[in-house]
């Protein structure tokens, strides 16, 4: 299980790095677009389109990395009042629920992505892009979230058993 955990962490770090680079691209291309508009030069048509794609990719490439580090959105109204063992039990329940939801969404997005690939559906805009390339990251992101929730459930169960 340790090897799986290490591999999963490596993949998440690589995807988080790609998400960071995409964020840099969005920031720089937005600044360039502002300057170009200011000096009355037309902004490249593909600029907005690829910024939109980048924002989608940033979200799904970074999700599992955030979950692993406990940086995702959470409410601690209940957990602040619980003892450590209660927090761990609640973490297992949370992990199982996340595993179920993300597992289902992995299946659905995988099916939709595969369907778009088979039918060669295109996103027709400034630049024609195969739709499966846009949607594939949603599938990939949910698959990584599913694996991270699974990892989290096992980690929390192990900690409950050992009393950590």
Foldseek 3Di string as FASTA:
>chain_A
DVVVVVVLLVQLVVLLVVLVVLVVVLVVLVVVCVVCVVVPHDRQFCSVVSNVLSVLSSCLSNPLVCVLVVNDDDDCPPVVPDDPLVVLVVLLVVLVVLLVVLVVQLVVLVVVLVVQVVVQDWDDGSDIDRVSVSSVSSNVSSVSSNVSSVVSNVVSVVCSVVVD
